[in-house]
C-alpha atoms as a PDB file:
ATOM      1  CA  UNK A   1     -29.651   1.085   3.453  1.00  0.00           C
ATOM      2  CA  UNK A   2     -28.695   3.033   6.608  1.00  0.00           C
ATOM      3  CA  UNK A   3     -28.885   6.773   6.953  1.00  0.00           C
ATOM      4  CA  UNK A   4     -25.788   8.551   8.209  1.00  0.00           C
ATOM      5  CA  UNK A   5     -25.765  11.701  10.274  1.00  0.00           C
ATOM      6  CA  UNK A   6     -23.159  13.762   8.456  1.00  0.00           C
ATOM      7  CA  UNK A   7     -22.179  15.856  11.482  1.00  0.00           C
ATOM      8  CA  UNK A   8     -21.568  12.905  13.811  1.00  0.00           C
ATOM      9  CA  UNK A   9     -20.481  10.290  11.287  1.00  0.00           C
ATOM     10  CA  UNK A  10     -22.625   7.590  12.922  1.00  0.00           C
ATOM     11  CA  UNK A  11     -25.935   6.018  12.101  1.00  0.00           C
ATOM     12  CA  UNK A  12     -28.938   7.577  13.835  1.00  0.00           C
ATOM     13  CA  UNK A  13     -31.639   5.594  15.607  1.00  0.00           C
ATOM     14  CA  UNK A  14     -34.193   6.993  13.188  1.00  0.00           C
ATOM     15  CA  UNK A  15     -32.154   5.676  10.278  1.00  0.00           C
ATOM     16  CA  UNK A  16     -32.123   2.187  11.790  1.00  0.00           C
ATOM     17  CA  UNK A  17     -35.903   1.768  11.604  1.00  0.00           C
ATOM     18  CA  UNK A  18     -35.897   0.972   7.884  1.00  0.00           C
ATOM     19  CA  UNK A  19     -32.925  -1.341   8.389  1.00  0.00           C
ATOM     20  CA  UNK A  20     -34.774  -3.320  11.045  1.00  0.00           C
ATOM     21  CA  UNK A  21     -37.940  -3.424   8.940  1.00  0.00           C
ATOM     22  CA  UNK A  22     -35.946  -4.639   5.956  1.00  0.00           C
ATOM     23  CA  UNK A  23     -34.404  -7.403   8.063  1.00  0.00           C
ATOM     24  CA  UNK A  24     -37.842  -8.455   9.317  1.00  0.00           C
ATOM     25  CA  UNK A  25     -39.128  -8.689   5.745  1.00  0.00           C
ATOM     26  CA  UNK A  26     -36.101 -10.712   4.634  1.00  0.00           C
ATOM     27  CA  UNK A  27     -36.483 -13.150   7.543  1.00  0.00           C
ATOM     28  CA  UNK A  28     -40.197 -13.482   6.768  1.00  0.00           C
ATOM     29  CA  UNK A  29     -39.329 -14.273   3.140  1.00  0.00           C
ATOM     30  CA  UNK A  30     -36.799 -16.840   4.350  1.00  0.00           C
ATOM     31  CA  UNK A  31     -39.416 -18.588   6.505  1.00  0.00           C
ATOM     32  CA  UNK A  32     -41.839 -18.726   3.596  1.00  0.00           C
ATOM     33  CA  UNK A  33     -39.126 -19.993   1.284  1.00  0.00           C
ATOM     34  CA  UNK A  34     -38.119 -22.743   3.745  1.00  0.00           C
ATOM     35  CA  UNK A  35     -41.731 -23.916   3.912  1.00  0.00           C
ATOM     36  CA  UNK A  36     -41.901 -23.959   0.102  1.00  0.00           C
ATOM     37  CA  UNK A  37     -38.615 -25.846   0.055  1.00  0.00           C
ATOM     38  CA  UNK A  38     -40.123 -28.481   2.358  1.00  0.00           C
ATOM     39  CA  UNK A  39     -43.058 -28.963  -0.004  1.00  0.00           C
ATOM     40  CA  UNK A  40     -40.707 -29.280  -2.978  1.00  0.00           C
ATOM     41  CA  UNK A  41     -38.645 -31.889  -1.166  1.00  0.00           C
ATOM     42  CA  UNK A  42     -41.773 -33.858  -0.269  1.00  0.00           C
ATOM     43  CA  UNK A  43     -43.042 -33.818  -3.848  1.00  0.00           C
ATOM     44  CA  UNK A  44     -39.647 -34.220  -5.583  1.00  0.00           C
ATOM     45  CA  UNK A  45     -39.861 -30.912  -7.481  1.00  0.00           C
ATOM     46  CA  UNK A  46     -36.122 -30.663  -8.093  1.00  0.00           C
ATOM     47  CA  UNK A  47     -36.215 -27.787 -10.600  1.00  0.00           C
ATOM     48  CA  UNK A  48     -38.273 -25.653  -8.227  1.00  0.00           C
ATOM     49  CA  UNK A  49     -36.006 -26.680  -5.340  1.00  0.00           C
ATOM     50  CA  UNK A  50     -32.951 -25.459  -7.245  1.00  0.00           C
ATOM     51  CA  UNK A  51     -34.586 -22.068  -7.893  1.00  0.00           C
ATOM     52  CA  UNK A  52     -35.554 -21.785  -4.226  1.00  0.00           C
ATOM     53  CA  UNK A  53     -31.993 -22.599  -3.186  1.00  0.00           C
ATOM     54  CA  UNK A  54     -30.669 -19.689  -5.258  1.00  0.00           C
ATOM     55  CA  UNK A  55     -33.255 -17.336  -3.745  1.00  0.00           C
ATOM     56  CA  UNK A  56     -32.432 -18.599  -0.266  1.00  0.00           C
ATOM     57  CA  UNK A  57     -28.754 -17.788  -0.755  1.00  0.00           C
ATOM     58  CA  UNK A  58     -29.621 -14.249  -1.864  1.00  0.00           C
ATOM     59  CA  UNK A  59     -31.837 -13.713   1.179  1.00  0.00           C
ATOM     60  CA  UNK A  60     -29.186 -15.078   3.540  1.00  0.00           C
ATOM     61  CA  UNK A  61     -26.592 -12.741   2.024  1.00  0.00           C
ATOM     62  CA  UNK A  62     -28.944  -9.791   2.471  1.00  0.00           C
ATOM     63  CA  UNK A  63     -29.628 -10.706   6.105  1.00  0.00           C
ATOM     64  CA  UNK A  64     -25.901 -11.029   6.728  1.00  0.00           C
ATOM     65  CA  UNK A  65     -25.240  -7.557   5.292  1.00  0.00           C
ATOM     66  CA  UNK A  66     -28.057  -6.118   7.398  1.00  0.00           C
ATOM     67  CA  UNK A  67     -26.562  -7.721  10.499  1.00  0.00           C
ATOM     68  CA  UNK A  68     -23.178  -6.204   9.670  1.00  0.00           C
ATOM     69  CA  UNK A  69     -24.770  -2.758   9.214  1.00  0.00           C
ATOM     70  CA  UNK A  70     -26.608  -3.094  12.513  1.00  0.00           C
ATOM     71  CA  UNK A  71     -23.479  -4.132  14.414  1.00  0.00           C
ATOM     72  CA  UNK A  72     -21.491  -1.280  12.873  1.00  0.00           C
ATOM     73  CA  UNK A  73     -23.906   1.414  14.086  1.00  0.00           C
ATOM     74  CA  UNK A  74     -22.375   1.993  17.490  1.00  0.00           C
ATOM     75  CA  UNK A  75     -25.665   3.272  18.898  1.00  0.00           C
ATOM     76  CA  UNK A  76     -25.357   3.550  22.679  1.00  0.00           C
ATOM     77  CA  UNK A  77     -28.982   4.206  23.600  1.00  0.00           C
ATOM     78  CA  UNK A  78     -30.923   1.947  21.293  1.00  0.00           C
ATOM     79  CA  UNK A  79     -32.890  -0.399  23.565  1.00  0.00           C
ATOM     80  CA  UNK A  80     -35.869  -0.512  21.201  1.00  0.00           C
ATOM     81  CA  UNK A  81     -33.558  -1.335  18.314  1.00  0.00           C
ATOM     82  CA  UNK A  82     -31.788  -4.006  20.316  1.00  0.00           C
ATOM     83  CA  UNK A  83     -35.111  -5.584  21.275  1.00  0.00           C
ATOM     84  CA  UNK A  84     -36.237  -5.390  17.637  1.00  0.00           C
ATOM     85  CA  UNK A  85     -33.024  -7.085  16.568  1.00  0.00           C
ATOM     86  CA  UNK A  86     -33.550  -9.742  19.284  1.00  0.00           C
ATOM     87  CA  UNK A  87     -36.956 -10.545  17.807  1.00  0.00           C
ATOM     88  CA  UNK A  88     -35.291 -10.888  14.404  1.00  0.00           C
ATOM     89  CA  UNK A  89     -32.756 -13.292  15.911  1.00  0.00           C
ATOM     90  CA  UNK A  90     -35.641 -15.333  17.385  1.00  0.00           C
ATOM     91  CA  UNK A  91     -37.212 -15.577  13.927  1.00  0.00           C
ATOM     92  CA  UNK A  92     -33.865 -16.571  12.421  1.00  0.00           C
ATOM     93  CA  UNK A  93     -33.648 -19.374  14.994  1.00  0.00           C
ATOM     94  CA  UNK A  94     -37.086 -20.550  13.862  1.00  0.00           C
ATOM     95  CA  UNK A  95     -35.745 -20.556  10.304  1.00  0.00           C
ATOM     96  CA  UNK A  96     -32.851 -22.678  11.495  1.00  0.00           C
ATOM     97  CA  UNK A  97     -35.354 -25.236  12.810  1.00  0.00           C
ATOM     98  CA  UNK A  98     -37.206 -25.203   9.482  1.00  0.00           C
ATOM     99  CA  UNK A  99     -33.907 -25.753   7.693  1.00  0.00           C
ATOM    100  CA  UNK A 100     -33.130 -28.694   9.998  1.00  0.00           C
ATOM    101  CA  UNK A 101     -36.554 -30.154   9.254  1.00  0.00           C
ATOM    102  CA  UNK A 102     -35.854 -29.921   5.522  1.00  0.00           C
ATOM    103  CA  UNK A 103     -32.434 -31.471   5.975  1.00  0.00           C
ATOM    104  CA  UNK A 104     -33.938 -34.349   7.967  1.00  0.00           C
ATOM    105  CA  UNK A 105     -36.455 -35.039   5.191  1.00  0.00           C
ATOM    106  CA  UNK A 106     -33.680 -35.074   2.588  1.00  0.00           C
ATOM    107  CA  UNK A 107     -31.585 -37.447   4.703  1.00  0.00           C
ATOM    108  CA  UNK A 108     -34.555 -39.789   5.150  1.00  0.00           C
ATOM    109  CA  UNK A 109     -35.253 -39.769   1.415  1.00  0.00           C
ATOM    110  CA  UNK A 110     -31.590 -40.523   0.712  1.00  0.00           C
ATOM    111  CA  UNK A 111     -31.651 -43.379   3.224  1.00  0.00           C
ATOM    112  CA  UNK A 112     -34.738 -44.771   1.533  1.00  0.00           C
ATOM    113  CA  UNK A 113     -33.077 -44.586  -1.885  1.00  0.00           C
ATOM    114  CA  UNK A 114     -29.921 -46.214  -0.524  1.00  0.00           C
ATOM    115  CA  UNK A 115     -31.985 -49.018   0.994  1.00  0.00           C
ATOM    116  CA  UNK A 116     -33.784 -49.590  -2.306  1.00  0.00           C
ATOM    117  CA  UNK A 117     -30.462 -49.668  -4.153  1.00  0.00           C
ATOM    118  CA  UNK A 118     -29.091 -52.081  -1.598  1.00  0.00           C
ATOM    119  CA  UNK A 119     -31.997 -54.438  -2.178  1.00  0.00           C
ATOM    120  CA  UNK A 120     -31.515 -54.234  -5.927  1.00  0.00           C
ATOM    121  CA  UNK A 121     -27.746 -54.703  -5.733  1.00  0.00           C
ATOM    122  CA  UNK A 122     -27.791 -57.436  -3.112  1.00  0.00           C
ATOM    123  CA  UNK A 123     -30.163 -59.517  -5.152  1.00  0.00           C
ATOM    124  CA  UNK A 124     -32.703 -59.930  -2.401  1.00  0.00           C
ATOM    125  CA  UNK A 125     -35.005 -60.957  -5.182  1.00  0.00           C
ATOM    126  CA  UNK A 126     -35.870 -64.616  -5.638  1.00  0.00           C
ATOM    127  CA  UNK A 127     -33.454 -64.790  -8.565  1.00  0.00           C
ATOM    128  CA  UNK A 128     -29.837 -65.620  -7.878  1.00  0.00           C
ATOM    129  CA  UNK A 129     -28.605 -64.062 -11.114  1.00  0.00           C
ATOM    130  CA  UNK A 130     -28.088 -60.520 -12.281  1.00  0.00           C
ATOM    131  CA  UNK A 131     -30.674 -59.205 -14.698  1.00  0.00           C
ATOM    132  CA  UNK A 132     -28.506 -56.396 -16.076  1.00  0.00           C
ATOM    133  CA  UNK A 133     -24.817 -55.898 -16.697  1.00  0.00           C
ATOM    134  CA  UNK A 134     -22.900 -52.755 -15.745  1.00  0.00           C
ATOM    135  CA  UNK A 135     -23.954 -50.991 -18.955  1.00  0.00           C
ATOM    136  CA  UNK A 136     -27.635 -51.532 -18.222  1.00  0.00           C
ATOM    137  CA  UNK A 137     -28.146 -54.185 -20.897  1.00  0.00           C
ATOM    138  CA  UNK A 138     -29.758 -57.539 -20.254  1.00  0.00           C
ATOM    139  CA  UNK A 139     -27.023 -59.766 -18.861  1.00  0.00           C
ATOM    140  CA  UNK A 140     -25.821 -62.725 -20.991  1.00  0.00           C
ATOM    141  CA  UNK A 141     -26.245 -65.022 -18.018  1.00  0.00           C
ATOM    142  CA  UNK A 142     -29.825 -63.850 -17.629  1.00  0.00           C
ATOM    143  CA  UNK A 143     -30.626 -64.577 -21.278  1.00  0.00           C
ATOM    144  CA  UNK A 144     -29.247 -68.104 -20.888  1.00  0.00           C
ATOM    145  CA  UNK A 145     -31.136 -68.738 -17.635  1.00  0.00           C
ATOM    146  CA  UNK A 146     -34.381 -67.334 -19.024  1.00  0.00           C
ATOM    147  CA  UNK A 147     -34.245 -69.721 -22.007  1.00  0.00           C
ATOM    148  CA  UNK A 148     -33.924 -72.802 -19.805  1.00  0.00           C
END
């Protein structure tokens, strides 16, 4: 991904341009993916969510490798590259906020499911008997109470 100057053995500033552009594209893809992930979470599209999760991991790995390449360059006079990388870091921080938003939605959905299960388990219904046994069959006690 980086171009090496064979006489100096270090990466040139010119060779870093494509690296920075690649990182920008990957971060842009990550932002788009996180927004898609949010929609999938809202609409309970679990299969699509799983596919997005795999893609997200690939993008994160690519960004991590790019970061490692950038840090390994050793460029002394690369202010424009450093500012470009800073803008990438800002976008990554925005992605972190999107990820937190998605996590919050998942936690809220889980809390809602737990509350519904609690109501079902606690018998907050008007009936003081269990409708189903542990295997999911109609409880014997329920059959007896329903007949009377």
